Protein backbone atom coordinates (compact mmCIF):
# COMPACT_ATOMS: atom_id res chain seq x y z
CA MET A 1 0.00 0.00 0.00
CA PHE A 2 1.32 3.47 -0.86
CA ASN A 3 1.04 6.74 1.04
CA SER A 4 1.51 9.66 -1.31
CA ASP A 5 1.73 13.31 -0.29
CA ILE A 6 0.76 15.08 -3.50
CA ARG A 7 2.24 18.35 -2.25
CA ASP A 8 5.71 17.04 -3.07
CA PRO A 9 7.78 18.74 -5.82
CA GLU A 10 5.89 19.96 -8.87
CA PRO A 11 5.45 17.68 -11.91
CA PRO A 12 5.35 19.03 -15.49
CA ILE A 13 2.92 21.92 -16.01
CA ILE A 14 0.10 21.72 -18.56
CA TYR A 15 -1.30 24.91 -20.01
CA PRO A 16 -4.91 25.67 -20.89
CA TRP A 17 -6.11 25.19 -24.45
CA LYS A 18 -8.98 27.62 -23.94
CA VAL A 19 -9.61 30.25 -21.27
CA ILE A 20 -13.08 31.75 -20.94
CA ASN A 21 -13.58 34.91 -18.91
CA MET A 22 -17.12 34.91 -17.57
CA ASN A 23 -19.32 37.85 -16.64
CA PRO A 24 -19.03 37.83 -12.83
CA ASP A 25 -22.55 39.26 -12.39
CA PHE A 26 -24.03 36.19 -14.10
CA SER A 27 -21.60 33.41 -13.19
CA GLY A 28 -20.65 31.16 -10.30
CA GLN A 29 -18.98 27.86 -9.50
CA TRP A 30 -21.90 25.69 -10.69
CA LEU A 31 -21.06 24.89 -14.33
CA VAL A 32 -22.72 22.55 -16.83
CA GLY A 33 -21.72 21.83 -20.42
CA GLY A 34 -23.54 20.77 -23.56
CA ASP A 35 -24.27 21.72 -27.16
CA LEU A 36 -26.66 24.67 -26.81
CA ASP A 37 -26.88 25.88 -30.41
CA GLY A 38 -26.66 22.64 -32.41
CA ASP A 39 -23.24 23.33 -33.93
CA GLY A 40 -21.73 20.12 -32.53
CA GLU A 41 -19.51 22.00 -30.10
CA ILE A 42 -19.87 22.13 -26.33
CA GLU A 43 -20.97 25.36 -24.69
CA PHE A 44 -21.03 26.18 -20.97
CA VAL A 45 -23.68 27.55 -18.61
CA ALA A 46 -22.58 29.10 -15.30
CA THR A 47 -24.93 29.87 -12.42
CA ARG A 48 -25.50 32.06 -9.38
CA ASN A 49 -27.96 31.05 -6.67
CA HIS A 50 -29.44 31.95 -3.30
CA ASP A 51 -29.95 28.86 -1.11
CA GLN A 52 -30.27 26.84 -4.35
CA ILE A 53 -32.82 29.21 -5.91
CA VAL A 54 -31.31 30.09 -9.28
CA THR A 55 -30.83 33.85 -9.56
CA ALA A 56 -28.64 34.38 -12.64
CA LEU A 57 -27.20 32.41 -15.57
CA SER A 58 -24.77 33.04 -18.40
CA ALA A 59 -23.95 30.88 -21.45
CA TYR A 60 -20.61 30.88 -23.29
CA LYS A 61 -19.25 29.44 -26.49
CA LEU A 62 -15.88 27.72 -26.47
CA ASP A 63 -14.21 30.81 -27.96
CA GLY A 64 -15.42 32.85 -24.96
CA THR A 65 -18.35 34.54 -26.69
CA LEU A 66 -21.18 35.37 -24.30
CA MET A 67 -24.32 33.83 -25.84
CA TRP A 68 -26.94 35.08 -23.37
CA THR A 69 -27.70 35.89 -19.77
CA TRP A 70 -30.78 35.21 -17.65
CA GLY A 71 -31.88 36.52 -14.28
CA LYS A 72 -30.79 39.46 -12.16
CA ALA A 73 -27.21 40.68 -12.39
CA GLY A 74 -25.23 40.12 -9.19
CA ALA A 75 -28.07 38.35 -7.40
CA GLY A 76 -27.26 35.36 -5.22
CA ASP A 77 -23.97 33.67 -4.38
CA THR A 78 -21.19 32.02 -6.37
CA ILE A 79 -19.75 29.44 -3.94
CA LEU A 80 -21.04 25.85 -3.87
CA THR A 81 -21.81 23.60 -0.93
CA TYR A 82 -24.72 21.79 -2.61
CA ASP A 83 -26.20 20.95 -6.01
CA VAL A 84 -27.67 23.89 -7.90
CA PRO A 85 -30.76 22.93 -9.97
CA VAL A 86 -29.48 23.76 -13.46
CA GLN A 87 -29.01 21.12 -16.17
CA ILE A 88 -28.62 20.97 -19.96
CA TYR A 89 -30.80 18.36 -21.66
CA ASP A 90 -32.99 17.74 -24.72
CA ILE A 91 -36.11 17.35 -22.61
CA ASP A 92 -38.65 17.48 -25.46
CA GLY A 93 -36.73 15.14 -27.77
CA ASN A 94 -36.55 17.60 -30.68
CA GLY A 95 -32.78 17.23 -31.10
CA LYS A 96 -32.00 20.57 -29.46
CA ASN A 97 -30.82 20.99 -25.89
CA GLU A 98 -32.72 23.10 -23.41
CA VAL A 99 -31.56 24.57 -20.09
CA LEU A 100 -33.70 23.50 -17.13
CA LEU A 101 -33.54 25.37 -13.86
CA SER A 102 -35.45 25.88 -10.65
CA GLU A 103 -36.17 29.37 -9.48
CA GLU A 104 -38.38 30.08 -6.49
CA GLY A 105 -41.62 28.13 -6.84
CA HIS A 106 -41.09 27.00 -10.44
CA LEU A 107 -39.22 24.75 -12.82
CA VAL A 108 -38.24 26.87 -15.83
CA ILE A 109 -37.18 25.63 -19.28
CA LEU A 110 -35.06 27.92 -21.47
CA ASP A 111 -34.16 27.65 -25.13
CA GLY A 112 -30.52 26.58 -25.16
CA CYS A 113 -29.50 28.78 -28.07
CA SER A 114 -31.15 32.05 -27.02
CA GLY A 115 -31.81 31.67 -23.29
CA LYS A 116 -35.43 32.71 -23.84
CA GLU A 117 -38.04 31.12 -21.60
CA ILE A 118 -40.04 28.35 -23.27
CA VAL A 119 -42.28 27.34 -20.37
CA ARG A 120 -42.45 27.33 -16.60
CA TYR A 121 -44.18 24.83 -14.33
CA PRO A 122 -45.23 25.26 -10.69
CA LEU A 123 -43.36 23.17 -8.16
CA PRO A 124 -45.49 20.87 -5.97
CA GLU A 125 -47.14 22.46 -2.98
CA GLY A 126 -44.71 23.10 -0.16
CA LEU A 127 -41.56 22.91 -2.33
CA ASN A 128 -39.85 26.29 -2.63
CA VAL A 129 -37.00 25.14 -4.89
CA ALA A 130 -35.91 21.83 -6.37
CA ASP A 131 -32.88 20.49 -4.51
CA CYS A 132 -31.63 19.09 -7.82
CA ILE A 133 -32.91 18.09 -11.27
CA THR A 134 -32.50 14.48 -12.46
CA PHE A 135 -33.52 12.91 -15.78
CA ALA A 136 -34.73 9.32 -16.09
CA ASN A 137 -36.40 7.22 -18.79
CA LYS A 138 -35.09 9.71 -21.39
CA SER A 139 -37.81 12.31 -20.78
CA ASP A 140 -38.94 12.11 -17.15
CA ILE A 141 -37.90 14.75 -14.62
CA ILE A 142 -37.22 13.97 -10.97
CA ILE A 143 -37.09 16.75 -8.38
CA LYS A 144 -36.80 16.59 -4.60
CA THR A 145 -36.60 18.37 -1.29
CA ARG A 146 -33.24 18.41 0.44
CA TYR A 147 -33.76 15.18 2.41
CA THR A 148 -37.41 14.12 2.64
CA LYS A 149 -39.30 13.60 -0.64
CA LEU A 150 -39.04 12.93 -4.40
CA TRP A 151 -41.45 13.67 -7.24
CA ALA A 152 -41.34 12.29 -10.79
CA TYR A 153 -42.95 14.19 -13.69
CA THR A 154 -43.35 13.73 -17.42
CA ASN A 155 -41.66 16.31 -19.63
CA ASP A 156 -44.98 18.18 -19.92
CA TRP A 157 -45.31 18.24 -16.14
CA LYS A 158 -47.80 15.52 -15.33
CA GLU A 159 -46.99 13.93 -11.99
CA LEU A 160 -46.07 10.25 -12.27
CA TRP A 161 -45.40 9.47 -8.62
CA ASN A 162 -43.97 10.82 -5.41
CA TRP A 163 -42.13 9.08 -2.62
CA ALA A 164 -41.05 9.86 0.92
CA PRO A 165 -38.96 7.41 2.96
CA ASP A 166 -40.51 5.99 6.12
CA LYS A 167 -37.30 5.92 8.15
CA TYR A 168 -34.24 7.35 6.44
CA TYR A 169 -33.45 10.52 4.53
CA THR A 170 -33.25 10.73 0.75
CA CYS A 171 -29.90 10.94 -1.03
CA HIS A 172 -28.46 14.16 -2.43
CA HIS A 173 -28.83 13.19 -6.09
CA PRO A 174 -30.97 10.21 -7.25
CA THR A 175 -29.30 7.57 -9.45
CA PRO A 176 -31.32 6.13 -12.38
CA ALA A 177 -30.45 2.67 -13.73
CA ASP A 178 -32.52 -0.03 -15.43
CA ILE A 179 -31.54 -2.92 -13.17
CA ASP A 180 -34.36 -5.33 -14.05
CA GLY A 181 -34.15 -5.06 -17.84
CA ASP A 182 -37.68 -3.81 -18.42
CA GLY A 183 -36.51 -0.77 -20.37
CA LYS A 184 -37.45 1.62 -17.56
CA ASP A 185 -35.16 3.20 -15.00
CA GLU A 186 -35.20 2.26 -11.37
CA ILE A 187 -34.10 5.03 -8.99
CA LEU A 188 -31.73 4.74 -6.06
CA ALA A 189 -33.33 7.51 -4.02
CA GLY A 190 -31.36 7.15 -0.80
CA TYR A 191 -30.96 3.86 0.99
CA SER A 192 -33.98 2.59 -0.98
CA MET A 193 -34.22 1.48 -4.59
CA LEU A 194 -37.48 2.52 -6.26
CA ASP A 195 -39.10 0.77 -9.21
CA HIS A 196 -39.98 2.88 -12.24
CA ASP A 197 -43.40 3.62 -10.70
CA GLY A 198 -41.95 4.87 -7.41
CA THR A 199 -42.65 1.75 -5.32
CA GLU A 200 -39.89 0.54 -3.02
CA MET A 201 -38.01 -2.55 -4.14
CA TRP A 202 -35.46 -2.82 -1.32
CA THR A 203 -33.66 -0.80 1.34
CA PHE A 204 -29.95 -1.13 2.00
CA LYS A 205 -29.01 -2.42 5.46
CA SER A 206 -25.47 -2.10 6.77
CA ASN A 207 -23.86 -4.82 8.86
CA LYS A 208 -21.49 -2.31 10.48
CA VAL A 209 -23.12 1.06 11.15
CA ASP A 210 -26.40 2.70 12.08
CA LEU A 211 -27.59 4.31 8.85
CA SER A 212 -30.09 6.51 10.66
CA ARG A 213 -27.15 8.68 11.76
CA GLY A 214 -27.14 10.38 8.33
CA HIS A 215 -28.04 9.98 4.69
CA LEU A 216 -26.69 8.57 1.44
CA ASP A 217 -24.19 11.14 0.19
CA CYS A 218 -23.30 9.78 -3.22
CA CYS A 219 -23.84 6.78 -5.49
CA ARG A 220 -22.02 5.59 -8.60
CA VAL A 221 -22.97 2.75 -10.92
CA ALA A 222 -19.83 0.62 -10.84
CA GLU A 223 -20.94 -2.32 -12.97
CA ILE A 224 -23.90 -2.84 -15.33
CA GLY A 225 -25.19 -6.40 -15.51
CA ASP A 226 -27.74 -8.50 -17.36
CA LYS A 227 -29.66 -9.11 -14.16
CA PRO A 228 -29.97 -7.23 -10.84
CA ASP A 229 -27.44 -9.25 -8.87
CA ASP A 230 -24.79 -8.53 -11.54
CA PHE A 231 -25.08 -4.76 -11.01
CA ARG A 232 -22.69 -3.01 -8.66
CA PHE A 233 -23.26 0.33 -6.93
CA VAL A 234 -20.75 2.15 -4.75
CA VAL A 235 -22.39 4.36 -2.12
CA THR A 236 -21.14 6.66 0.60
CA CYS A 237 -23.08 7.40 3.78
CA CYS A 238 -22.82 10.81 5.44
CA GLY A 239 -23.02 10.75 9.23
CA ALA A 240 -22.73 6.98 9.30
CA GLY A 241 -19.10 7.16 8.12
CA LEU A 242 -19.31 4.38 5.52
CA ILE A 243 -18.47 3.43 1.96
CA ALA A 244 -20.06 0.26 0.59
CA MET A 245 -20.54 -1.75 -2.59
CA LEU A 246 -24.03 -3.13 -3.23
CA ASP A 247 -25.51 -5.32 -5.91
CA GLY A 248 -28.75 -4.52 -7.71
CA LEU A 249 -30.77 -6.38 -5.07
CA GLY A 250 -29.38 -4.29 -2.24
CA ASN A 251 -27.02 -6.97 -0.91
CA VAL A 252 -23.76 -5.72 0.62
CA ILE A 253 -20.66 -6.89 -1.27
CA TRP A 254 -18.27 -5.07 1.06
CA GLU A 255 -18.29 -2.05 3.35
CA ILE A 256 -15.65 0.09 5.06
CA GLU A 257 -16.42 2.28 8.06
CA GLY A 258 -14.62 4.97 10.00
CA HIS A 259 -14.39 8.08 7.81
CA HIS A 260 -16.64 10.66 6.17
CA PHE A 261 -16.35 9.22 2.66
CA GLU A 262 -17.84 11.59 0.08
CA SER A 263 -17.70 11.10 -3.71
CA PRO A 264 -16.45 7.90 -5.38
CA ASP A 265 -15.12 7.69 -8.94
CA ILE A 266 -14.75 4.28 -10.57
CA ALA A 267 -12.67 3.06 -13.53
CA TYR A 268 -9.53 1.11 -14.42
CA ILE A 269 -7.04 3.27 -12.51
CA SER A 270 -4.12 1.07 -11.43
CA PRO A 271 -2.34 -1.18 -13.95
CA ASN A 272 -0.87 -3.11 -11.01
CA HIS A 273 -4.27 -4.36 -9.83
CA LYS A 274 -6.92 -6.43 -11.57
CA GLY A 275 -10.25 -4.97 -12.56
CA LYS A 276 -11.60 -1.56 -11.67
CA GLN A 277 -10.74 0.56 -8.68
CA VAL A 278 -12.60 3.13 -6.60
CA TYR A 279 -11.15 6.53 -5.78
CA VAL A 280 -13.00 8.31 -2.95
CA ASP A 281 -12.28 11.51 -1.06
CA ILE A 282 -12.55 11.81 2.72
CA ASP A 283 -14.13 15.00 4.00
CA HIS A 284 -14.72 16.72 7.36
CA HIS A 285 -11.06 17.29 8.15
CA THR A 286 -9.28 20.58 8.75
CA TYR A 287 -7.74 22.30 5.72
CA GLY A 288 -4.28 20.88 5.15
CA ASP A 289 -5.18 17.43 6.50
CA PHE A 290 -7.43 15.80 3.87
CA MET A 291 -7.13 12.42 2.16
CA GLY A 292 -8.26 10.43 -0.83
CA TRP A 293 -8.29 6.62 -0.87
CA LEU A 294 -7.80 4.20 -3.73
CA ILE A 295 -9.72 0.96 -3.10
CA ASP A 296 -9.82 -2.18 -5.24
CA PHE A 297 -13.06 -3.76 -6.42
CA ASN A 298 -12.95 -6.20 -3.50
CA GLY A 299 -12.88 -3.43 -0.93
CA GLU A 300 -9.15 -3.60 -0.13
CA LEU A 301 -7.23 -0.37 0.39
CA ILE A 302 -4.54 0.17 -2.25
CA GLY A 303 -3.19 3.56 -1.25
CA LYS A 304 -3.77 6.97 0.34
CA PHE A 305 -3.32 10.43 -1.14
CA MET A 306 -2.60 13.23 1.35
CA MET A 307 -3.48 16.81 0.39
CA ASP A 308 -4.76 20.14 1.66
CA TYR A 309 -8.36 19.62 0.47
CA SER A 310 -9.74 16.53 -1.22
CA ARG A 311 -13.17 17.38 -2.64
CA HIS A 312 -13.99 17.87 -6.35
CA HIS A 313 -12.21 15.30 -8.47
CA ARG A 314 -12.76 13.41 -11.72
CA LEU A 315 -11.07 10.62 -13.69
CA VAL A 316 -9.48 10.93 -17.14
CA ASP A 317 -7.21 8.78 -19.32
CA TRP A 318 -4.60 11.46 -19.83
CA ASN A 319 -1.80 9.43 -21.42
CA GLY A 320 -3.94 7.15 -23.60
CA ASP A 321 -2.89 3.83 -22.04
CA GLY A 322 -6.42 2.78 -21.09
CA PHE A 323 -5.95 3.50 -17.39
CA TYR A 324 -7.47 6.55 -15.77
CA GLU A 325 -5.63 9.25 -13.87
CA ILE A 326 -7.19 11.18 -10.97
CA VAL A 327 -7.76 14.91 -11.47
CA LEU A 328 -7.65 16.66 -8.09
CA ALA A 329 -9.14 20.09 -8.67
CA ASN A 330 -8.28 21.99 -5.49
CA ALA A 331 -4.72 20.65 -5.63
CA MET A 332 -4.59 21.59 -9.35
CA THR A 333 -2.86 18.35 -10.20
CA ILE A 334 -3.24 14.94 -11.92
CA CYS A 335 -2.14 11.74 -10.14
CA ASP A 336 -1.82 8.18 -11.37
CA GLY A 337 -2.92 4.95 -9.69
CA ALA A 338 0.41 4.58 -7.91
CA GLY A 339 0.11 7.94 -6.16
CA LYS A 340 2.54 9.76 -8.45
CA ARG A 341 1.81 13.28 -9.70
CA VAL A 342 1.97 13.31 -13.49
CA ALA A 343 1.00 16.93 -14.21
CA SER A 344 -0.07 20.20 -12.61
CA PHE A 345 -2.26 22.91 -14.09
CA ASP A 346 -1.32 26.41 -15.11
CA LEU A 347 -4.20 28.78 -14.37
CA ASP A 348 -3.19 31.73 -16.54
CA SER A 349 -3.44 35.14 -14.87
CA LYS A 350 -5.94 33.71 -12.33
CA ALA A 351 -3.28 31.51 -10.65
CA GLU A 352 -2.31 33.79 -7.78
CA ASP A 353 -5.94 34.65 -6.98
CA VAL A 354 -6.86 30.96 -6.93
CA ARG A 355 -3.94 30.07 -4.68
CA ALA A 356 -4.88 32.86 -2.27
CA ASP A 357 -8.50 31.72 -2.26
CA LYS A 358 -7.43 28.14 -1.62
CA LYS A 359 -5.35 29.16 1.40
CA ALA A 360 -8.45 30.97 2.71
CA GLY A 361 -10.41 27.72 2.45
CA ASP A 362 -12.13 28.18 -0.92
CA PRO A 363 -13.03 24.73 -2.31
CA GLY A 364 -12.29 25.82 -5.88
CA PRO A 365 -11.36 25.36 -8.54
CA LEU A 366 -13.92 22.71 -9.45
CA VAL A 367 -13.51 20.15 -12.24
CA SER A 368 -15.46 18.51 -15.04
CA VAL A 369 -14.32 16.04 -17.71
CA LEU A 370 -16.03 16.32 -21.12
CA ASP A 371 -15.08 15.63 -24.73
CA VAL A 372 -14.70 19.29 -25.65
CA SER A 373 -12.19 18.84 -28.48
CA GLY A 374 -14.19 16.03 -30.12
CA ASN A 375 -11.45 13.39 -30.32
CA GLY A 376 -13.28 10.93 -28.07
CA ALA A 377 -11.02 11.46 -25.07
CA GLY A 378 -11.84 13.42 -21.95
CA ASP A 379 -10.72 17.01 -21.80
CA ILE A 380 -10.35 18.63 -18.37
CA ILE A 381 -12.32 21.72 -17.39
CA LEU A 382 -11.26 23.60 -14.26
CA HIS A 383 -13.59 26.42 -13.30
CA THR A 384 -13.75 29.15 -10.70
CA ASP A 385 -16.58 31.61 -10.14
CA ASP A 386 -15.56 33.73 -13.13
CA LYS A 387 -13.15 31.73 -15.32
CA ILE A 388 -13.21 28.45 -17.27
CA PHE A 389 -9.95 26.69 -18.15
CA VAL A 390 -10.08 23.91 -20.75
CA TYR A 391 -7.10 21.54 -20.96
CA LYS A 392 -7.08 19.52 -24.16
CA ASN A 393 -6.29 15.84 -23.74
CA PRO A 394 -3.05 15.13 -25.65
CA SER A 395 -3.87 11.45 -26.16
CA GLU A 396 -6.15 9.47 -28.45
CA PRO A 397 -8.29 7.07 -26.41
CA LYS A 398 -7.34 3.39 -26.75
CA LYS A 399 -10.53 2.36 -24.97
CA LYS A 400 -13.97 3.90 -24.98
CA ALA A 401 -13.73 7.06 -22.94
CA PHE A 402 -15.35 7.00 -19.51
CA PHE A 403 -17.57 9.95 -18.67
CA PRO A 404 -19.88 10.33 -15.68
CA ASP A 405 -23.48 11.00 -16.65
CA SER A 406 -23.01 14.28 -18.54
CA PHE A 407 -26.62 15.42 -18.13
CA ASN A 408 -27.25 14.43 -14.49
CA ILE A 409 -24.53 16.66 -13.11
CA THR A 410 -24.03 16.62 -9.34
CA LEU A 411 -21.59 18.20 -6.91
CA TYR A 412 -21.43 14.85 -5.11
């Protein structure tokens, strides 16, 4: 097992391919990407919010052109500690992406190219703002309160079902997956898996911890199978201090307790170990004393990464060998599966401001991985509250590129 302090001497520096300066009155750290105008190129939408209520948006082309703004200039905050309900998706199936957002009391759908409002729908009674927006079954929309209830709607806003757990809290962001092969998504909505009609199928039970001490922080689909017991999900449990692997029937494959595990990423990371691995950050430490763990698919610890702050990471095959490196956004670095730093990021004229913000405890920059350049590999996007840095992947992918769900974006 390795122990790697990633603050050791600097590796080679990589420079941004594109730098986008955003309008600070209409931008923030929540960033989503997608083709807004149908030209085949990714655009970006940045967001400001007040307690998750979306207050301002701005959309940018890859060359930095401001496409449109929405909302009130300067309203709301820029920093993230939760999901902000803004997503890019072709919700009506017409081949053009829309921008969906939740402002106070409503779900609003904007034309992706112009930012003009297409339609708005009232949120269910008692819900002031959607905690997040999730898409399932290609055209269904799932919204939720912070911890207590989910609703599912058609794309023309007819309620399909709603669900509230009897005992536990909901998760932060629901996970759709068709685990029973009926062509319809089931939803992991917390510790419970819901069928496509919102009925409970099973509830996860830990053998090690009391799950009522918190909620499900994050879930990733680790393996897709032909039948439910071939599926694998990796979940983290806030408050309960647990990371676990489950099958599609809710059975525990393995579980590790003892830390505040947050967001797992899963891929072939280490060439020295068989199968996939799980990288997960550990939160709720003091700045300067954070960790990330690399765990094999059997739940055995491979190594530890020590750093100042461990949140906000993604995986990318940066050198084209079929194994994925770990992009650590706050540390502004890329590490391999042996704990070695392989590159660090130049942040243009923003570098000194970012470093000062980091020392003051700012969680930024944040990171996304998308195929911006169009070569099939993952390009790295680091973003602050007013700048976007795109780092073009220098390698051609030898295997199919791995991207997290690019339309169900979550902070977790």
